[in-house]
Amino acid sequence: MKLVNISRKTKQRISSSSWYQKLATTVVLGSLLTTNLPIKVTAQTTVNINNQASYTYQDPGSNFTYQGVSSQLQLVFGSTSNNLGRILSCAGTIISDYTGFSVGLYEPNLNDPTGTELGNLVSLTRTELPNIPNNKIPQGQTPNIENANPYFLSNNPAGVYNLLLDASRGQTASGKTYILVANPPPQSRYPQRRIKIQIIDNTNQNNNSVKYIASSLDGQPLNSTGATRVEDILSVVTNPETPQLNLLALAFTTNMCQAQQLQIIKTGDRATAEPGDTAIYRISVRNLADIGLNNVVVTDNLPLGFHFIPKSVRGEMDSQTVTITSERNGNTVTFRTDAIIPPTKVLNIAYAAQLTPDALRGTGRNSAIANGLRTDNRLSTKDGPATHQLLIRPGIVADCGTIIGRVFEDKNFDGEQQSGEPGIANAVIFLEDGNRITTDPNGLFSVANVLPGSHTGVLDLTSVPGYTLAPNRKFRERNSQSRWVRLEPGGLVRMNFAVTPSRSK
C-alpha cells in the first residue's frame, strides 16, 4: 500500500470525498481499532494493515514537509471486509497463531431456562467460491467460502471469519437467538468464549440494517473497552446468480483474554511459631498477561492474634526497590503500589507480623487476593486467595486463665466482702460447661486452666441452706443467681456471690 502526500487543505477535501466515505463503510462493524488518518486504498481484493504506516504532507503556507508514523493498526480493508468478523486478543490485537481456533454458531438449548447452554449447530446454507453458474448454489465469501459451521480460523487472513444466515429460512427473523462460540485449541491459554446473538430488527433487510444485540455469556468483555453488551448489524450479501436470495453475514469482532492474567503466591519464613515470635511473609504477584499491569492492590487477611508491623513492609521487582503503601483495618491489611508490572515480571511484597497469645485461639491461616488493571484497555484482572498455614504452638506462653471468687454474707448489700462479712463454706457453683465447684471453709473458690472467652457461673442456693441472694444496691446486674465474666488469654477474673440470711433463719 502506497501513501500519498497530503496537505492540510487537501486533507479536508479528501475527508469529504466519495472514496473516503466508501473506505469508512468498509471497516468491520464492532472492530476495535480505527484510524483518523485518511489513507487511500488501491483496488485490490484485500489490503492488510498489520503494523504502522508512515505518512508525509506539505504545509502550503510554510512549504514545510511533515513526516511521521501512525499508531499500530491491524485491520482488513477490501471489497468484503464489511462482512468479516475477527477474533482478537484481549488488547484488541491479532493473536500470534490462530491454528486450532474455530468459530461456531449454535441454537440455544430449549431445555435450559437460562438460555446459556448449547443446542444443535445452526444449519447454514451451503455456498461456493468461485461460483459455478446454474447449479443453484449461491456464491460464498472468503474466507469461509462454503459457509461451514463451525469454521476453523487461519493465519491468512489472520483470525478472520464469516457466517452467512439465510433470510429465506427464517434465520434472521426478529427475536431469533443464537450462541456464537469461539473455541481455542487444546492447551491454549485462552478459554472458550460464548456470546449470545439476538436479532432485534429485520424490517430493513434491503437497506442492510438487520440489527442484533451481542451479549457476553461468560462474563468476559466483548471488546477492549470492557463492554459486555453491544449492538451490531448483519450485512446483506448479494448473489448475482440468485438475487432473490438474501444471505446476511454475521461478522462480529470480539476479544479473547487469557483465563489467568495475574498470579499471586504467598509464602512464609516458618511452618510453626508460638506467641512472641515474628513471622515474615512474602507475597509474589506475577504478570501473566501480554501487557503491563498497574493499579495493583493486594488484600491480606491475617489470622487472629497476628499483629501487623507497618514499618516492616518492603517491595521489590527485578532487583529494584518498589514503594509499597499499607493500610490496616482490623485483621485486613491492604497493600498498594503505583508501579507497573511488565509482562512476565514479578512484584514481591514482604512484611512481618508478631504473634500474640490470642494466636493460640486462631487458625494460623491467612489468605491474600491480588487485583490489577491492564494498561492498554483498563480491564481488571484478579487472582487468589493464596493462603499460608502456620502451626501455632503454646511454647512457654499459655492462653488459659483463672477464675476466682467467693460466696459470702453481704451485710451492707454493696456486693463486696468487708471485715465482719464471713464466707460461706461448701457453697456450690456450676459453670456453663457443667463443671461443679465447691467453696472452701472461707467461702473461696478458684478454677485454673480455663480457656479465654465468656463464662457463666450459677450459685446453687440449695447448697447454702438458710441463705438467699443478697440485694445489691449499687449494681442491678448482680441481683441475679448467675454471674457473667470475660476471661482474657492468661488473665484472671473474679466471680463473687453475695448472700444474706433468709427471713426464716
Protein backbone atom coordinates (compact mmCIF):
# COMPACT_ATOMS: atom_id res chain seq x y z
CA MET A 1 0.00 0.00 0.00
CA LYS A 2 1.37 3.40 -1.01
CA LEU A 3 0.66 6.51 0.95
CA VAL A 4 0.10 9.85 -0.71
CA ASN A 5 1.38 13.24 0.33
CA ILE A 6 -1.47 15.18 1.92
CA SER A 7 -1.64 18.90 2.53
CA ARG A 8 -3.96 20.42 5.12
CA LYS A 9 -6.43 21.69 2.51
CA THR A 10 -6.18 18.50 0.51
CA LYS A 11 -6.80 16.51 3.68
CA GLN A 12 -10.09 18.37 4.24
CA ARG A 13 -11.20 17.76 0.65
CA ILE A 14 -10.31 14.11 0.87
CA SER A 15 -12.25 13.68 4.12
CA SER A 16 -15.45 14.62 2.30
CA SER A 17 -14.72 12.76 -0.93
CA SER A 18 -16.70 9.72 -2.02
CA TRP A 19 -13.80 7.28 -1.89
CA TYR A 20 -13.05 8.27 1.70
CA GLN A 21 -16.69 7.74 2.68
CA LYS A 22 -16.59 4.37 0.96
CA LEU A 23 -13.48 3.48 2.92
CA ALA A 24 -15.28 4.31 6.18
CA THR A 25 -18.06 1.86 5.34
CA THR A 26 -15.62 -0.98 4.78
CA VAL A 27 -14.49 -1.12 8.41
CA VAL A 28 -15.88 -4.21 10.16
CA LEU A 29 -18.70 -3.19 12.46
CA GLY A 30 -17.68 -3.94 16.01
CA SER A 31 -13.99 -3.53 15.22
CA LEU A 32 -11.80 -2.25 17.98
CA LEU A 33 -9.02 -0.30 16.27
CA THR A 34 -9.64 2.67 13.98
CA THR A 35 -7.57 5.44 12.44
CA ASN A 36 -8.12 9.13 11.92
CA LEU A 37 -5.57 9.31 9.12
CA PRO A 38 -7.16 9.28 5.62
CA ILE A 39 -5.44 6.51 3.67
CA LYS A 40 -6.31 5.77 0.07
CA VAL A 41 -6.70 2.08 -0.68
CA THR A 42 -5.83 0.79 -4.13
CA ALA A 43 -8.21 -1.51 -5.98
CA GLN A 44 -7.21 -4.83 -4.51
CA THR A 45 -9.33 -7.66 -3.22
CA THR A 46 -7.85 -7.37 0.26
CA VAL A 47 -5.35 -4.94 1.79
CA ASN A 48 -3.91 -5.70 5.21
CA ILE A 49 -2.58 -3.10 7.63
CA ASN A 50 -0.71 -5.13 10.16
CA ASN A 51 1.81 -2.71 11.58
CA GLN A 52 2.48 1.03 11.32
CA ALA A 53 2.03 3.38 8.40
CA SER A 54 4.35 6.28 7.63
CA TYR A 55 2.98 9.47 6.15
CA THR A 56 4.15 12.83 4.78
CA TYR A 57 2.36 16.04 3.88
CA GLN A 58 3.43 19.55 2.97
CA ASP A 59 2.20 22.75 4.60
CA PRO A 60 1.35 25.13 1.68
CA GLY A 61 1.92 28.15 3.93
CA SER A 62 5.46 27.34 5.00
CA ASN A 63 6.33 24.67 2.41
CA PHE A 64 7.48 22.60 5.35
CA THR A 65 7.18 18.85 4.86
CA TYR A 66 5.84 16.91 7.84
CA GLN A 67 6.68 13.26 8.35
CA GLY A 68 5.52 10.74 10.91
CA VAL A 69 4.07 7.33 11.62
CA SER A 70 0.59 6.32 12.63
CA SER A 71 -0.35 4.24 15.63
CA GLN A 72 -0.28 0.48 15.13
CA LEU A 73 -3.23 -0.75 13.08
CA GLN A 74 -4.46 -4.25 12.44
CA LEU A 75 -7.45 -4.01 10.13
CA VAL A 76 -8.51 -5.65 6.88
CA PHE A 77 -9.80 -3.44 4.07
CA GLY A 78 -11.27 -4.69 0.83
CA SER A 79 -14.41 -5.50 -1.06
CA THR A 80 -15.72 -7.93 1.59
CA SER A 81 -14.18 -6.57 4.80
CA ASN A 82 -17.55 -5.20 5.96
CA ASN A 83 -18.82 -8.79 6.05
CA LEU A 84 -15.97 -10.23 8.11
CA GLY A 85 -15.60 -10.77 11.82
CA ARG A 86 -12.37 -11.30 13.65
CA ILE A 87 -11.15 -12.90 16.85
CA LEU A 88 -8.61 -10.64 18.57
CA SER A 89 -6.51 -10.76 21.70
CA CYS A 90 -7.51 -9.11 24.97
CA ALA A 91 -5.78 -5.89 23.87
CA GLY A 92 -7.57 -5.85 20.51
CA THR A 93 -4.54 -7.03 18.53
CA ILE A 94 -4.04 -10.04 16.28
CA ILE A 95 -3.20 -13.30 18.03
CA SER A 96 0.19 -14.64 17.00
CA ASP A 97 -1.15 -18.03 15.84
CA TYR A 98 -4.76 -18.98 15.02
CA THR A 99 -4.04 -22.64 14.36
CA GLY A 100 -6.79 -24.71 16.01
CA PHE A 101 -9.14 -21.77 16.66
CA SER A 102 -12.72 -22.22 15.47
CA VAL A 103 -15.97 -20.24 15.45
CA GLY A 104 -19.35 -21.96 15.59
CA LEU A 105 -22.97 -20.81 15.70
CA TYR A 106 -25.37 -22.82 17.88
CA GLU A 107 -29.05 -22.86 18.70
CA PRO A 108 -29.75 -22.35 22.42
CA ASN A 109 -30.72 -25.46 24.36
CA LEU A 110 -34.50 -25.25 24.66
CA ASN A 111 -34.42 -27.27 27.89
CA ASP A 112 -32.13 -24.76 29.57
CA PRO A 113 -34.16 -21.99 31.28
CA THR A 114 -31.09 -19.73 31.47
CA GLY A 115 -30.60 -19.73 27.70
CA THR A 116 -26.83 -20.16 28.07
CA GLU A 117 -26.35 -23.84 27.22
CA LEU A 118 -25.64 -25.03 23.68
CA GLY A 119 -28.13 -26.84 21.49
CA ASN A 120 -27.50 -28.02 17.93
CA LEU A 121 -25.24 -26.34 15.42
CA VAL A 122 -27.16 -23.97 13.16
CA SER A 123 -27.67 -25.46 9.69
CA LEU A 124 -26.25 -22.83 7.34
CA THR A 125 -26.99 -22.59 3.62
CA ARG A 126 -24.14 -24.03 1.57
CA THR A 127 -22.20 -21.60 -0.61
CA GLU A 128 -19.31 -21.84 -3.07
CA LEU A 129 -16.46 -19.73 -4.38
CA PRO A 130 -15.64 -19.46 -7.23
CA ASN A 131 -19.26 -19.59 -8.26
CA ILE A 132 -20.35 -22.29 -10.74
CA PRO A 133 -23.22 -20.93 -12.89
CA ASN A 134 -26.66 -22.52 -12.86
CA ASN A 135 -26.03 -25.06 -10.07
CA LYS A 136 -28.37 -23.24 -7.64
CA ILE A 137 -25.60 -22.97 -5.05
CA PRO A 138 -25.17 -19.31 -4.08
CA GLN A 139 -21.86 -17.57 -4.26
CA GLY A 140 -19.97 -17.52 -0.98
CA GLN A 141 -17.41 -15.27 0.58
CA THR A 142 -13.83 -15.65 1.57
CA PRO A 143 -12.54 -16.95 3.85
CA ASN A 144 -15.50 -19.25 4.68
CA ILE A 145 -16.32 -19.96 1.05
CA GLU A 146 -18.56 -22.99 1.80
CA ASN A 147 -20.29 -21.33 4.78
CA ALA A 148 -19.06 -24.11 7.07
CA ASN A 149 -20.26 -24.24 10.67
CA PRO A 150 -18.08 -24.45 12.67
CA TYR A 151 -15.39 -22.62 10.72
CA PHE A 152 -11.69 -23.06 11.56
CA LEU A 153 -9.67 -19.86 11.50
CA SER A 154 -6.37 -19.46 9.71
CA ASN A 155 -3.39 -17.13 9.83
CA ASN A 156 -4.03 -15.73 6.31
CA PRO A 157 -6.06 -13.66 6.73
CA ALA A 158 -5.36 -13.74 10.45
CA GLY A 159 -8.31 -14.63 12.67
CA VAL A 160 -10.98 -13.64 10.14
CA TYR A 161 -14.29 -15.48 9.74
CA ASN A 162 -17.79 -15.03 8.28
CA LEU A 163 -21.03 -16.97 8.79
CA LEU A 164 -23.94 -16.34 6.38
CA LEU A 165 -27.53 -16.56 7.64
CA ASP A 166 -30.34 -17.29 5.19
CA ALA A 167 -33.26 -14.86 5.50
CA SER A 168 -35.49 -17.14 3.38
CA ARG A 169 -35.15 -19.85 6.05
CA GLY A 170 -36.18 -17.50 8.84
CA GLN A 171 -32.66 -17.34 10.27
CA THR A 172 -32.79 -13.55 10.54
CA ALA A 173 -36.32 -13.25 11.92
CA SER A 174 -36.80 -10.77 14.73
CA GLY A 175 -36.36 -12.49 18.09
CA LYS A 176 -34.18 -15.27 16.68
CA THR A 177 -31.42 -16.15 19.15
CA TYR A 178 -28.07 -17.89 18.65
CA ILE A 179 -24.95 -18.58 20.68
CA LEU A 180 -21.67 -17.74 18.98
CA VAL A 181 -18.85 -19.91 20.33
CA ALA A 182 -15.16 -19.10 19.85
CA ASN A 183 -13.14 -22.24 20.62
CA PRO A 184 -9.38 -22.08 21.23
CA PRO A 185 -7.17 -25.09 20.55
CA PRO A 186 -6.39 -27.57 23.36
CA GLN A 187 -3.84 -26.40 25.93
CA SER A 188 -4.41 -22.79 24.87
CA ARG A 189 -4.09 -20.02 27.43
CA TYR A 190 -7.40 -18.66 26.17
CA PRO A 191 -10.74 -20.01 27.47
CA GLN A 192 -13.78 -20.73 25.32
CA ARG A 193 -15.97 -17.71 24.61
CA ARG A 194 -19.79 -17.78 24.43
CA ILE A 195 -21.70 -14.81 23.04
CA LYS A 196 -25.48 -14.57 22.78
CA ILE A 197 -26.67 -13.15 19.46
CA GLN A 198 -30.30 -11.93 19.39
CA ILE A 199 -31.94 -10.47 16.26
CA ILE A 200 -33.91 -7.39 17.31
CA ASP A 201 -34.94 -5.79 13.98
CA ASN A 202 -35.23 -7.29 10.49
CA THR A 203 -37.59 -4.76 8.92
CA ASN A 204 -34.95 -3.18 6.65
CA GLN A 205 -33.08 -6.11 5.13
CA ASN A 206 -32.86 -4.41 1.73
CA ASN A 207 -31.17 -1.44 3.39
CA ASN A 208 -28.52 -3.54 5.11
CA SER A 209 -29.86 -2.84 8.60
CA VAL A 210 -30.79 -6.13 10.22
CA LYS A 211 -29.84 -5.37 13.81
CA TYR A 212 -28.79 -7.72 16.58
CA ILE A 213 -27.54 -7.46 20.15
CA ALA A 214 -24.47 -9.40 21.28
CA SER A 215 -24.20 -10.23 24.99
CA SER A 216 -21.34 -11.92 26.81
CA LEU A 217 -22.39 -15.19 28.48
CA ASP A 218 -19.02 -15.85 30.14
CA GLY A 219 -18.62 -12.54 31.96
CA GLN A 220 -15.62 -11.57 29.84
CA PRO A 221 -15.66 -8.27 27.90
CA LEU A 222 -16.61 -8.32 24.23
CA ASN A 223 -14.09 -5.65 23.26
CA SER A 224 -11.19 -3.68 24.61
CA THR A 225 -13.47 -1.07 26.16
CA GLY A 226 -14.82 -3.63 28.62
CA ALA A 227 -18.35 -3.72 27.21
CA THR A 228 -20.28 -6.96 27.76
CA ARG A 229 -23.25 -5.97 25.57
CA VAL A 230 -23.07 -4.29 22.15
CA GLU A 231 -25.39 -3.67 19.20
CA ASP A 232 -24.34 -4.53 15.64
CA ILE A 233 -25.85 -5.25 12.21
CA LEU A 234 -25.97 -8.10 9.72
CA SER A 235 -24.75 -7.10 6.25
CA VAL A 236 -26.65 -8.32 3.16
CA VAL A 237 -24.53 -10.32 0.72
CA THR A 238 -25.79 -10.07 -2.87
CA ASN A 239 -25.73 -13.12 -5.11
CA PRO A 240 -25.61 -12.44 -8.86
CA GLU A 241 -26.98 -15.88 -9.71
CA THR A 242 -29.87 -15.79 -7.23
CA PRO A 243 -30.60 -12.11 -6.46
CA GLN A 244 -33.81 -13.05 -4.68
CA LEU A 245 -31.80 -14.99 -2.07
CA ASN A 246 -30.73 -12.83 0.85
CA LEU A 247 -27.75 -14.11 2.78
CA LEU A 248 -26.69 -11.94 5.71
CA ALA A 249 -23.18 -12.02 7.11
CA LEU A 250 -22.77 -12.43 10.86
CA ALA A 251 -19.41 -10.73 11.31
CA PHE A 252 -18.89 -9.98 14.97
CA THR A 253 -15.44 -8.93 16.17
CA THR A 254 -14.61 -9.86 19.75
CA ASN A 255 -11.67 -10.26 22.11
CA MET A 256 -10.24 -13.32 23.84
CA CYS A 257 -8.48 -12.78 27.14
CA GLN A 258 -6.30 -15.25 28.96
CA ALA A 259 -8.08 -17.25 31.63
CA GLN A 260 -5.45 -16.14 34.15
CA GLN A 261 -3.61 -12.88 33.62
CA LEU A 262 -2.24 -12.49 37.14
CA GLN A 263 -0.90 -14.95 39.69
CA ILE A 264 -0.41 -14.48 43.43
CA ILE A 265 1.70 -16.76 45.64
CA LYS A 266 2.09 -16.41 49.40
CA THR A 267 4.90 -17.95 51.45
CA GLY A 268 6.24 -17.63 54.98
CA ASP A 269 9.63 -18.00 56.64
CA ARG A 270 8.46 -20.75 59.01
CA ALA A 271 5.99 -23.58 59.35
CA THR A 272 5.44 -23.32 63.13
CA ALA A 273 5.51 -20.45 65.61
CA GLU A 274 4.49 -19.58 69.16
CA PRO A 275 3.31 -16.41 70.89
CA GLY A 276 6.08 -13.83 70.89
CA ASP A 277 7.57 -14.98 67.56
CA THR A 278 7.70 -12.77 64.47
CA ALA A 279 6.66 -14.34 61.17
CA ILE A 280 7.93 -12.94 57.85
CA TYR A 281 5.52 -13.27 54.91
CA ARG A 282 6.30 -12.87 51.21
CA ILE A 283 3.65 -12.18 48.57
CA SER A 284 4.63 -12.61 44.91
CA VAL A 285 2.41 -11.11 42.19
CA ARG A 286 3.33 -12.33 38.69
CA ASN A 287 2.04 -10.72 35.47
CA LEU A 288 0.87 -13.49 33.11
CA ALA A 289 -0.77 -11.07 30.66
CA ASP A 290 0.66 -9.84 27.37
CA ILE A 291 0.68 -6.24 28.59
CA GLY A 292 1.71 -4.38 31.74
CA LEU A 293 -0.47 -4.29 34.86
CA ASN A 294 -0.92 -1.25 37.08
CA ASN A 295 -3.14 -0.19 40.00
CA VAL A 296 -2.02 -3.36 41.75
CA VAL A 297 -3.78 -3.91 45.09
CA VAL A 298 -3.14 -6.86 47.41
CA THR A 299 -5.57 -7.56 50.26
CA ASP A 300 -4.26 -9.85 53.01
CA ASN A 301 -6.42 -11.23 55.84
CA LEU A 302 -4.36 -12.00 58.94
CA PRO A 303 -5.49 -14.68 61.41
CA LEU A 304 -6.49 -13.96 64.99
CA GLY A 305 -3.60 -12.91 67.23
CA PHE A 306 -1.28 -11.67 64.44
CA HIS A 307 -0.06 -8.10 64.93
CA PHE A 308 0.91 -6.42 61.65
CA ILE A 309 4.13 -4.36 61.77
CA PRO A 310 3.72 -1.47 59.26
CA LYS A 311 7.41 -0.46 59.26
CA SER A 312 8.40 -3.91 58.06
CA VAL A 313 6.81 -3.60 54.58
CA ARG A 314 9.22 -3.90 51.67
CA GLY A 315 8.65 -4.04 47.90
CA GLU A 316 10.94 -5.34 45.15
CA MET A 317 10.71 -6.03 41.42
CA ASP A 318 13.52 -7.09 39.15
CA SER A 319 16.07 -6.39 41.94
CA GLN A 320 14.80 -2.82 42.22
CA THR A 321 13.09 -1.30 45.26
CA VAL A 322 9.37 -0.61 44.78
CA THR A 323 7.37 1.72 47.00
CA ILE A 324 4.53 -0.09 48.77
CA THR A 325 1.89 1.62 50.92
CA SER A 326 -0.07 -0.33 53.53
CA GLU A 327 -3.29 0.21 55.40
CA ARG A 328 -4.79 -1.93 58.17
CA ASN A 329 -8.47 -2.27 59.02
CA GLY A 330 -8.99 -4.85 61.74
CA ASN A 331 -7.34 -8.08 60.58
CA THR A 332 -7.28 -6.93 56.92
CA VAL A 333 -4.11 -5.35 55.51
CA THR A 334 -4.19 -3.66 52.09
CA PHE A 335 -1.01 -3.11 50.06
CA ARG A 336 -0.87 -0.70 47.08
CA THR A 337 1.76 0.40 44.60
CA ASP A 338 1.97 2.85 41.70
CA ALA A 339 4.49 0.64 39.91
CA ILE A 340 3.62 -1.08 36.62
CA ILE A 341 4.35 -4.81 36.47
CA PRO A 342 5.66 -5.62 32.96
CA PRO A 343 4.71 -8.94 31.32
CA THR A 344 6.39 -12.00 32.94
CA LYS A 345 7.76 -9.84 35.79
CA VAL A 346 7.07 -10.44 39.50
CA LEU A 347 6.32 -7.90 42.21
CA ASN A 348 7.46 -9.13 45.64
CA ILE A 349 5.98 -7.74 48.87
CA ALA A 350 7.43 -8.73 52.25
CA TYR A 351 6.17 -7.83 55.72
CA ALA A 352 6.30 -9.03 59.32
CA ALA A 353 3.63 -9.94 61.85
CA GLN A 354 4.16 -10.68 65.54
CA LEU A 355 2.18 -13.41 67.28
CA THR A 356 0.28 -12.58 70.47
CA PRO A 357 -1.21 -15.07 72.96
CA ASP A 358 -4.52 -14.71 71.07
CA ALA A 359 -2.90 -16.58 68.15
CA LEU A 360 -3.41 -19.83 70.08
CA ARG A 361 -7.14 -19.41 69.62
CA GLY A 362 -6.87 -18.65 65.91
CA THR A 363 -6.31 -20.87 62.90
CA GLY A 364 -2.86 -19.56 61.90
CA ARG A 365 -4.12 -19.46 58.31
CA ASN A 366 -4.10 -16.22 56.33
CA SER A 367 -5.07 -15.53 52.72
CA ALA A 368 -4.29 -12.83 50.16
CA ILE A 369 -6.02 -11.63 46.97
CA ALA A 370 -4.40 -9.54 44.20
CA ASN A 371 -6.13 -7.17 41.77
CA GLY A 372 -4.73 -5.17 38.85
CA LEU A 373 -5.66 -3.33 35.66
CA ARG A 374 -4.31 -3.86 32.16
CA THR A 375 -2.51 -0.75 30.97
CA ASP A 376 -3.93 -0.96 27.44
CA ASN A 377 -7.69 -1.25 27.96
CA ARG A 378 -8.05 -0.85 31.76
CA LEU A 379 -9.75 -4.22 32.11
CA SER A 380 -9.44 -5.65 35.61
CA THR A 381 -7.77 -8.93 36.49
CA LYS A 382 -7.72 -10.83 39.76
CA ASP A 383 -6.24 -13.90 41.42
CA GLY A 384 -6.46 -15.54 44.80
CA PRO A 385 -6.88 -16.30 47.51
CA ALA A 386 -3.33 -17.51 48.09
CA THR A 387 -3.00 -18.99 51.57
CA HIS A 388 -0.32 -19.84 54.08
CA GLN A 389 -0.82 -22.11 57.10
CA LEU A 390 1.19 -21.57 60.28
CA LEU A 391 1.03 -24.14 63.08
CA ILE A 392 0.77 -22.33 66.43
CA ARG A 393 2.47 -23.96 69.43
CA PRO A 394 1.80 -22.84 73.03
CA GLY A 395 5.51 -22.63 73.91
CA ILE A 396 6.11 -21.17 77.35
CA VAL A 397 3.06 -18.95 76.99
CA ALA A 398 -0.37 -20.36 77.80
CA ASP A 399 -3.54 -18.51 76.93
CA CYS A 400 -5.56 -20.23 79.67
CA GLY A 401 -6.72 -18.08 82.57
CA THR A 402 -8.09 -18.45 86.07
CA ILE A 403 -11.50 -17.73 87.60
CA ILE A 404 -11.50 -16.91 91.30
CA GLY A 405 -14.40 -15.96 93.52
CA ARG A 406 -16.11 -16.21 96.87
CA VAL A 407 -19.52 -16.75 98.38
CA PHE A 408 -20.03 -14.51 101.42
CA GLU A 409 -22.66 -12.96 103.63
CA ASP A 410 -23.23 -9.37 102.49
CA LYS A 411 -24.42 -7.32 105.44
CA ASN A 412 -24.40 -3.84 103.82
CA PHE A 413 -25.63 -5.02 100.39
CA ASP A 414 -22.82 -3.46 98.36
CA GLY A 415 -21.71 -6.71 96.69
CA GLU A 416 -18.22 -6.60 98.21
CA GLN A 417 -16.83 -8.52 101.18
CA GLN A 418 -15.64 -6.36 104.08
CA SER A 419 -14.36 -7.18 107.53
CA GLY A 420 -17.03 -8.90 109.54
CA GLU A 421 -18.73 -10.43 106.49
CA PRO A 422 -17.92 -14.17 106.73
CA GLY A 423 -17.51 -16.54 103.81
CA ILE A 424 -19.91 -19.42 103.25
CA ALA A 425 -18.31 -22.86 103.18
CA ASN A 426 -19.38 -25.71 100.88
CA ALA A 427 -21.38 -23.46 98.55
CA VAL A 428 -21.69 -24.95 95.04
CA ILE A 429 -21.21 -23.01 91.77
CA PHE A 430 -21.96 -24.54 88.38
CA LEU A 431 -20.14 -23.29 85.25
CA GLU A 432 -21.72 -23.27 81.79
CA ASP A 433 -19.83 -26.45 80.79
CA GLY A 434 -21.31 -28.37 83.75
CA ASN A 435 -18.25 -28.18 85.99
CA ARG A 436 -19.11 -28.10 89.71
CA ILE A 437 -17.02 -26.01 92.13
CA THR A 438 -17.28 -26.04 95.95
CA THR A 439 -16.07 -23.21 98.20
CA ASP A 440 -13.50 -23.78 100.95
CA PRO A 441 -14.11 -23.02 104.69
CA ASN A 442 -13.54 -19.33 103.95
CA GLY A 443 -16.04 -19.30 101.06
CA LEU A 444 -13.30 -19.03 98.44
CA PHE A 445 -13.06 -20.98 95.15
CA SER A 446 -10.86 -20.95 92.02
CA VAL A 447 -10.77 -22.66 88.65
CA ALA A 448 -7.44 -22.85 86.79
CA ASN A 449 -6.65 -23.57 83.11
CA VAL A 450 -9.87 -22.03 81.83
CA LEU A 451 -9.98 -21.20 78.12
CA PRO A 452 -10.26 -17.50 77.30
CA GLY A 453 -13.65 -16.13 76.44
CA SER A 454 -17.03 -15.60 78.08
CA HIS A 455 -18.03 -17.77 81.04
CA THR A 456 -21.11 -18.04 83.24
CA GLY A 457 -21.41 -19.31 86.79
CA VAL A 458 -24.59 -20.06 88.74
CA LEU A 459 -24.87 -20.34 92.53
CA ASP A 460 -26.78 -23.39 93.70
CA LEU A 461 -28.92 -21.95 96.50
CA THR A 462 -29.76 -25.43 97.77
CA SER A 463 -26.08 -25.74 98.79
CA VAL A 464 -26.39 -22.77 101.18
CA PRO A 465 -29.44 -23.59 103.28
CA GLY A 466 -30.76 -20.66 105.35
CA TYR A 467 -29.42 -18.10 102.84
CA THR A 468 -30.82 -16.31 99.84
CA LEU A 469 -29.36 -13.83 97.36
CA ALA A 470 -28.44 -10.51 98.89
CA PRO A 471 -29.86 -7.44 97.13
CA ASN A 472 -27.23 -5.24 95.55
CA ARG A 473 -27.92 -1.57 95.91
CA LYS A 474 -25.05 -0.47 93.61
CA PHE A 475 -25.17 -2.85 90.60
CA ARG A 476 -28.52 -4.10 89.35
CA GLU A 477 -26.96 -6.80 87.18
CA ARG A 478 -25.69 -8.53 90.31
CA ASN A 479 -29.23 -9.10 91.58
CA SER A 480 -29.18 -12.45 89.90
CA GLN A 481 -28.34 -16.02 90.72
CA SER A 482 -25.81 -16.11 87.83
CA ARG A 483 -22.64 -14.20 87.01
CA TRP A 484 -21.07 -13.47 83.60
CA VAL A 485 -17.35 -12.81 83.21
CA ARG A 486 -14.97 -12.22 80.29
CA LEU A 487 -11.64 -14.02 80.62
CA GLU A 488 -8.71 -12.71 78.56
CA PRO A 489 -5.84 -15.01 77.46
CA GLY A 490 -3.69 -15.72 80.52
CA GLY A 491 -5.98 -13.46 82.56
CA LEU A 492 -7.67 -13.56 85.97
CA VAL A 493 -11.32 -12.64 86.71
CA ARG A 494 -13.49 -12.60 89.82
CA MET A 495 -16.91 -14.21 90.18
CA ASN A 496 -18.40 -13.27 93.59
CA PHE A 497 -21.81 -14.21 95.03
CA ALA A 498 -23.32 -12.24 97.89
CA VAL A 499 -25.95 -13.89 100.11
CA THR A 500 -27.94 -12.88 103.10
CA PRO A 501 -29.76 -14.91 105.75
CA SER A 502 -33.29 -15.76 104.74
CA ARG A 503 -36.12 -14.49 106.91
CA SER A 504 -36.98 -17.95 108.11
CA LYS A 505 -33.48 -18.44 109.52
